[in-house]
Amino acid sequence: MTFKKMICLTIRMKKNDVVDGKRMEKRIIDLLSEANILGAIVWLGVDGFGRRGKSTVHLEGLMINQPMMIESVDEREKIEPLLIPLKRLIGDNGFITIHEVDVV
């Protein structure tokens, strides 16, 4: 079996975060798509906390401002140039992690 070394990009934020009137995850997905990244997935969490406090508010069974995570895997050469524009876009509203992965 052959493994290929790639980079996993993970962005954590809150669901209701907005940048210039557009939801942040949509802007991030657009940026990744325009950079021809292999793909991305948006995950919603059920609870969490961070520097800006708790990530959920429960109102009669509804959750507001859930934790959200966007994950993408591609080659280092394609991911690294996106880190500065992504950090500018996210600012203090979330954080970015990267780690090396083996892709089968």
N, C-alpha and C. Protein backbone atom coordinates (compact mmCIF):
# COMPACT_ATOMS: atom_id res chain seq x y z
N MET A 1 0.85 -1.18 0.00
CA MET A 1 0.00 0.00 0.00
C MET A 1 0.89 1.24 0.00
N THR A 2 0.53 2.22 -0.79
CA THR A 2 1.30 3.44 -0.91
C THR A 2 0.64 4.57 -0.14
N PHE A 3 1.45 5.30 0.62
CA PHE A 3 0.96 6.46 1.36
C PHE A 3 1.57 7.72 0.75
N LYS A 4 0.78 8.78 0.75
CA LYS A 4 1.28 10.06 0.28
C LYS A 4 1.19 11.05 1.44
N LYS A 5 2.27 11.77 1.71
CA LYS A 5 2.28 12.78 2.77
C LYS A 5 1.55 14.03 2.28
N MET A 6 0.56 14.46 3.05
CA MET A 6 -0.19 15.66 2.73
C MET A 6 -0.41 16.45 4.02
N ILE A 7 -1.05 17.59 3.91
CA ILE A 7 -1.32 18.46 5.05
C ILE A 7 -2.83 18.51 5.28
N CYS A 8 -3.21 18.38 6.54
CA CYS A 8 -4.61 18.55 6.93
C CYS A 8 -4.74 19.95 7.54
N LEU A 9 -5.59 20.76 6.93
CA LEU A 9 -5.88 22.12 7.40
C LEU A 9 -7.19 22.06 8.16
N THR A 10 -7.18 22.55 9.39
CA THR A 10 -8.40 22.57 10.20
C THR A 10 -8.62 23.99 10.71
N ILE A 11 -9.82 24.50 10.51
CA ILE A 11 -10.19 25.84 10.95
C ILE A 11 -11.35 25.70 11.92
N ARG A 12 -11.21 26.28 13.11
CA ARG A 12 -12.26 26.23 14.12
C ARG A 12 -12.83 27.63 14.33
N MET A 13 -14.16 27.72 14.41
CA MET A 13 -14.84 28.99 14.58
C MET A 13 -16.23 28.74 15.13
N LYS A 14 -17.06 29.77 15.17
CA LYS A 14 -18.45 29.63 15.56
C LYS A 14 -19.34 29.77 14.32
N LYS A 15 -20.46 29.08 14.33
CA LYS A 15 -21.36 29.04 13.18
C LYS A 15 -21.85 30.41 12.74
N ASN A 16 -22.11 31.30 13.66
CA ASN A 16 -22.70 32.60 13.32
C ASN A 16 -21.68 33.66 12.94
N ASP A 17 -20.40 33.32 12.84
CA ASP A 17 -19.40 34.32 12.50
C ASP A 17 -19.61 34.83 11.07
N VAL A 18 -19.54 36.15 10.91
CA VAL A 18 -19.79 36.81 9.64
C VAL A 18 -18.63 37.74 9.32
N VAL A 19 -18.26 37.81 8.03
CA VAL A 19 -17.23 38.73 7.55
C VAL A 19 -17.82 39.52 6.39
N ASP A 20 -17.86 40.83 6.53
CA ASP A 20 -18.40 41.71 5.49
C ASP A 20 -19.78 41.26 5.00
N GLY A 21 -20.63 40.88 5.94
CA GLY A 21 -22.00 40.52 5.61
C GLY A 21 -22.21 39.11 5.08
N LYS A 22 -21.15 38.31 4.99
CA LYS A 22 -21.27 36.93 4.48
C LYS A 22 -20.76 35.97 5.54
N ARG A 23 -21.44 34.83 5.68
CA ARG A 23 -21.01 33.86 6.69
C ARG A 23 -19.58 33.43 6.42
N MET A 24 -18.82 33.36 7.51
CA MET A 24 -17.38 33.09 7.39
C MET A 24 -17.10 31.75 6.72
N GLU A 25 -17.87 30.71 7.03
CA GLU A 25 -17.57 29.41 6.41
C GLU A 25 -17.76 29.46 4.90
N LYS A 26 -18.70 30.26 4.41
CA LYS A 26 -18.90 30.39 2.96
C LYS A 26 -17.69 31.07 2.33
N ARG A 27 -17.17 32.11 2.98
CA ARG A 27 -15.98 32.80 2.47
C ARG A 27 -14.78 31.86 2.44
N ILE A 28 -14.64 31.06 3.49
CA ILE A 28 -13.51 30.12 3.56
C ILE A 28 -13.64 29.06 2.48
N ILE A 29 -14.83 28.49 2.33
CA ILE A 29 -15.05 27.48 1.29
C ILE A 29 -14.77 28.07 -0.09
N ASP A 30 -15.21 29.31 -0.33
CA ASP A 30 -14.94 29.97 -1.61
C ASP A 30 -13.43 30.10 -1.84
N LEU A 31 -12.70 30.54 -0.81
CA LEU A 31 -11.25 30.70 -0.92
C LEU A 31 -10.57 29.38 -1.23
N LEU A 32 -10.95 28.31 -0.54
CA LEU A 32 -10.37 26.99 -0.77
C LEU A 32 -10.69 26.49 -2.18
N SER A 33 -11.92 26.70 -2.61
CA SER A 33 -12.34 26.27 -3.94
C SER A 33 -11.58 27.02 -5.03
N GLU A 34 -11.44 28.34 -4.87
CA GLU A 34 -10.71 29.15 -5.85
C GLU A 34 -9.24 28.75 -5.94
N ALA A 35 -8.70 28.21 -4.84
CA ALA A 35 -7.30 27.77 -4.81
C ALA A 35 -7.15 26.34 -5.32
N ASN A 36 -8.25 25.76 -5.80
CA ASN A 36 -8.24 24.39 -6.32
C ASN A 36 -7.78 23.35 -5.30
N ILE A 37 -8.17 23.56 -4.05
CA ILE A 37 -7.92 22.57 -3.01
C ILE A 37 -8.77 21.35 -3.33
N LEU A 38 -8.27 20.17 -3.01
CA LEU A 38 -8.95 18.92 -3.37
C LEU A 38 -10.40 18.87 -2.88
N GLY A 39 -10.66 19.39 -1.70
CA GLY A 39 -12.01 19.37 -1.15
C GLY A 39 -11.99 19.86 0.28
N ALA A 40 -13.15 20.09 0.82
CA ALA A 40 -13.27 20.55 2.21
C ALA A 40 -14.60 20.07 2.76
N ILE A 41 -14.66 19.96 4.07
CA ILE A 41 -15.90 19.58 4.72
C ILE A 41 -16.13 20.50 5.91
N VAL A 42 -17.37 20.88 6.13
CA VAL A 42 -17.74 21.74 7.25
C VAL A 42 -18.44 20.86 8.27
N TRP A 43 -17.94 20.87 9.50
CA TRP A 43 -18.50 20.09 10.60
C TRP A 43 -19.14 21.02 11.60
N LEU A 44 -20.31 20.66 12.10
CA LEU A 44 -20.95 21.39 13.19
C LEU A 44 -20.80 20.61 14.48
N GLY A 45 -20.43 21.31 15.54
CA GLY A 45 -20.32 20.69 16.85
C GLY A 45 -21.58 20.91 17.66
N VAL A 46 -21.68 20.21 18.76
CA VAL A 46 -22.87 20.35 19.60
C VAL A 46 -22.61 21.17 20.85
N ASP A 47 -21.36 21.38 21.19
CA ASP A 47 -21.05 22.17 22.37
C ASP A 47 -19.56 22.49 22.34
N GLY A 48 -19.17 23.54 23.01
CA GLY A 48 -17.76 23.88 23.07
C GLY A 48 -17.53 25.19 23.79
N PHE A 49 -16.26 25.50 24.00
CA PHE A 49 -15.89 26.78 24.60
C PHE A 49 -14.51 27.15 24.09
N GLY A 50 -14.18 28.40 24.23
CA GLY A 50 -12.88 28.89 23.80
C GLY A 50 -12.65 30.27 24.36
N ARG A 51 -11.73 30.95 23.75
CA ARG A 51 -11.33 32.28 24.21
C ARG A 51 -12.50 33.26 24.26
N ARG A 52 -13.45 33.11 23.35
CA ARG A 52 -14.61 34.01 23.32
C ARG A 52 -15.80 33.45 24.09
N GLY A 53 -15.58 32.45 24.91
CA GLY A 53 -16.65 31.92 25.75
C GLY A 53 -17.26 30.66 25.18
N LYS A 54 -18.46 30.32 25.69
CA LYS A 54 -19.17 29.13 25.24
C LYS A 54 -19.64 29.27 23.82
N SER A 55 -19.69 28.15 23.12
CA SER A 55 -20.06 28.18 21.70
C SER A 55 -21.51 27.84 21.44
N THR A 56 -22.28 27.55 22.46
CA THR A 56 -23.69 27.23 22.22
C THR A 56 -24.58 27.93 23.24
N VAL A 57 -25.78 28.15 22.83
CA VAL A 57 -26.84 28.62 23.70
C VAL A 57 -28.02 27.71 23.40
N HIS A 58 -28.58 27.06 24.41
CA HIS A 58 -29.69 26.14 24.20
C HIS A 58 -31.00 26.85 24.53
N LEU A 59 -31.87 26.92 23.55
CA LEU A 59 -33.19 27.51 23.73
C LEU A 59 -34.24 26.50 23.30
N GLU A 60 -34.93 25.90 24.24
CA GLU A 60 -35.98 24.93 23.96
C GLU A 60 -35.58 23.94 22.87
N GLY A 61 -34.42 23.32 23.04
CA GLY A 61 -33.97 22.30 22.10
C GLY A 61 -33.21 22.82 20.91
N LEU A 62 -33.17 24.14 20.69
CA LEU A 62 -32.42 24.71 19.57
C LEU A 62 -31.04 25.13 20.04
N MET A 63 -30.05 24.96 19.19
CA MET A 63 -28.71 25.41 19.52
C MET A 63 -28.35 26.57 18.62
N ILE A 64 -27.83 27.63 19.22
CA ILE A 64 -27.46 28.83 18.49
C ILE A 64 -25.95 29.03 18.62
N ASN A 65 -25.34 29.42 17.52
CA ASN A 65 -23.90 29.70 17.48
C ASN A 65 -23.06 28.49 17.88
N GLN A 66 -23.33 27.39 17.20
CA GLN A 66 -22.61 26.15 17.45
C GLN A 66 -21.13 26.28 17.06
N PRO A 67 -20.29 25.45 17.67
CA PRO A 67 -18.91 25.39 17.20
C PRO A 67 -18.89 24.78 15.79
N MET A 68 -18.01 25.28 14.96
CA MET A 68 -17.91 24.82 13.57
C MET A 68 -16.45 24.57 13.23
N MET A 69 -16.23 23.56 12.38
CA MET A 69 -14.88 23.23 11.97
C MET A 69 -14.88 22.95 10.47
N ILE A 70 -13.92 23.51 9.77
CA ILE A 70 -13.72 23.22 8.35
C ILE A 70 -12.42 22.46 8.23
N GLU A 71 -12.47 21.34 7.52
CA GLU A 71 -11.28 20.51 7.38
C GLU A 71 -11.02 20.25 5.91
N SER A 72 -9.76 20.30 5.53
CA SER A 72 -9.36 20.08 4.15
C SER A 72 -8.00 19.40 4.13
N VAL A 73 -7.77 18.57 3.13
CA VAL A 73 -6.48 17.89 2.98
C VAL A 73 -5.98 18.13 1.56
N ASP A 74 -4.72 18.53 1.45
CA ASP A 74 -4.10 18.71 0.14
C ASP A 74 -2.58 18.76 0.34
N GLU A 75 -1.88 19.01 -0.74
CA GLU A 75 -0.42 19.07 -0.68
C GLU A 75 0.04 20.35 0.04
N ARG A 76 1.15 20.24 0.72
CA ARG A 76 1.71 21.37 1.48
C ARG A 76 1.86 22.61 0.60
N GLU A 77 2.29 22.42 -0.63
CA GLU A 77 2.53 23.53 -1.54
C GLU A 77 1.25 24.30 -1.87
N LYS A 78 0.10 23.65 -1.76
CA LYS A 78 -1.17 24.32 -2.03
C LYS A 78 -1.78 24.92 -0.76
N ILE A 79 -1.53 24.30 0.39
CA ILE A 79 -2.12 24.76 1.66
C ILE A 79 -1.36 25.96 2.23
N GLU A 80 -0.03 25.89 2.27
CA GLU A 80 0.75 26.94 2.93
C GLU A 80 0.49 28.35 2.41
N PRO A 81 0.37 28.59 1.10
CA PRO A 81 0.11 29.96 0.63
C PRO A 81 -1.24 30.51 1.10
N LEU A 82 -2.14 29.66 1.53
CA LEU A 82 -3.46 30.10 1.97
C LEU A 82 -3.51 30.51 3.44
N LEU A 83 -2.46 30.18 4.20
CA LEU A 83 -2.50 30.42 5.65
C LEU A 83 -2.62 31.91 5.99
N ILE A 84 -1.89 32.77 5.33
CA ILE A 84 -1.96 34.21 5.64
C ILE A 84 -3.32 34.78 5.25
N PRO A 85 -3.83 34.52 4.02
CA PRO A 85 -5.17 35.04 3.70
C PRO A 85 -6.26 34.48 4.62
N LEU A 86 -6.14 33.21 5.00
CA LEU A 86 -7.12 32.62 5.91
C LEU A 86 -7.06 33.29 7.28
N LYS A 87 -5.86 33.51 7.79
CA LYS A 87 -5.72 34.15 9.11
C LYS A 87 -6.27 35.57 9.07
N ARG A 88 -6.03 36.29 7.98
CA ARG A 88 -6.61 37.65 7.84
C ARG A 88 -8.13 37.58 7.85
N LEU A 89 -8.69 36.61 7.17
CA LEU A 89 -10.13 36.45 7.09
C LEU A 89 -10.74 36.08 8.45
N ILE A 90 -10.10 35.19 9.16
CA ILE A 90 -10.62 34.69 10.43
C ILE A 90 -10.34 35.65 11.58
N GLY A 91 -9.18 36.29 11.56
CA GLY A 91 -8.80 37.20 12.64
C GLY A 91 -8.81 36.49 13.98
N ASP A 92 -9.45 37.11 14.97
CA ASP A 92 -9.54 36.53 16.31
C ASP A 92 -10.81 35.69 16.48
N ASN A 93 -11.55 35.45 15.40
CA ASN A 93 -12.81 34.71 15.48
C ASN A 93 -12.64 33.20 15.40
N GLY A 94 -11.43 32.72 15.38
CA GLY A 94 -11.19 31.29 15.32
C GLY A 94 -9.71 31.03 15.26
N PHE A 95 -9.35 29.78 15.01
CA PHE A 95 -7.93 29.49 14.85
C PHE A 95 -7.74 28.37 13.84
N ILE A 96 -6.52 28.30 13.34
CA ILE A 96 -6.15 27.38 12.28
C ILE A 96 -5.08 26.43 12.80
N THR A 97 -5.25 25.15 12.48
CA THR A 97 -4.19 24.18 12.77
C THR A 97 -3.87 23.44 11.49
N ILE A 98 -2.63 23.00 11.38
CA ILE A 98 -2.24 22.13 10.28
C ILE A 98 -1.41 21.00 10.87
N HIS A 99 -1.55 19.84 10.26
CA HIS A 99 -0.70 18.73 10.63
C HIS A 99 -0.53 17.80 9.44
N GLU A 100 0.56 17.08 9.45
CA GLU A 100 0.86 16.18 8.35
C GLU A 100 0.03 14.91 8.50
N VAL A 101 -0.49 14.41 7.38
CA VAL A 101 -1.27 13.18 7.37
C VAL A 101 -0.76 12.27 6.27
N ASP A 102 -1.01 10.99 6.42
CA ASP A 102 -0.74 10.01 5.37
C ASP A 102 -2.05 9.72 4.66
N VAL A 103 -2.08 9.92 3.35
CA VAL A 103 -3.27 9.66 2.56
C VAL A 103 -3.05 8.37 1.78
N VAL A 104 -4.03 7.50 1.82
CA VAL A 104 -3.95 6.21 1.14
C VAL A 104 -4.53 6.35 -0.25
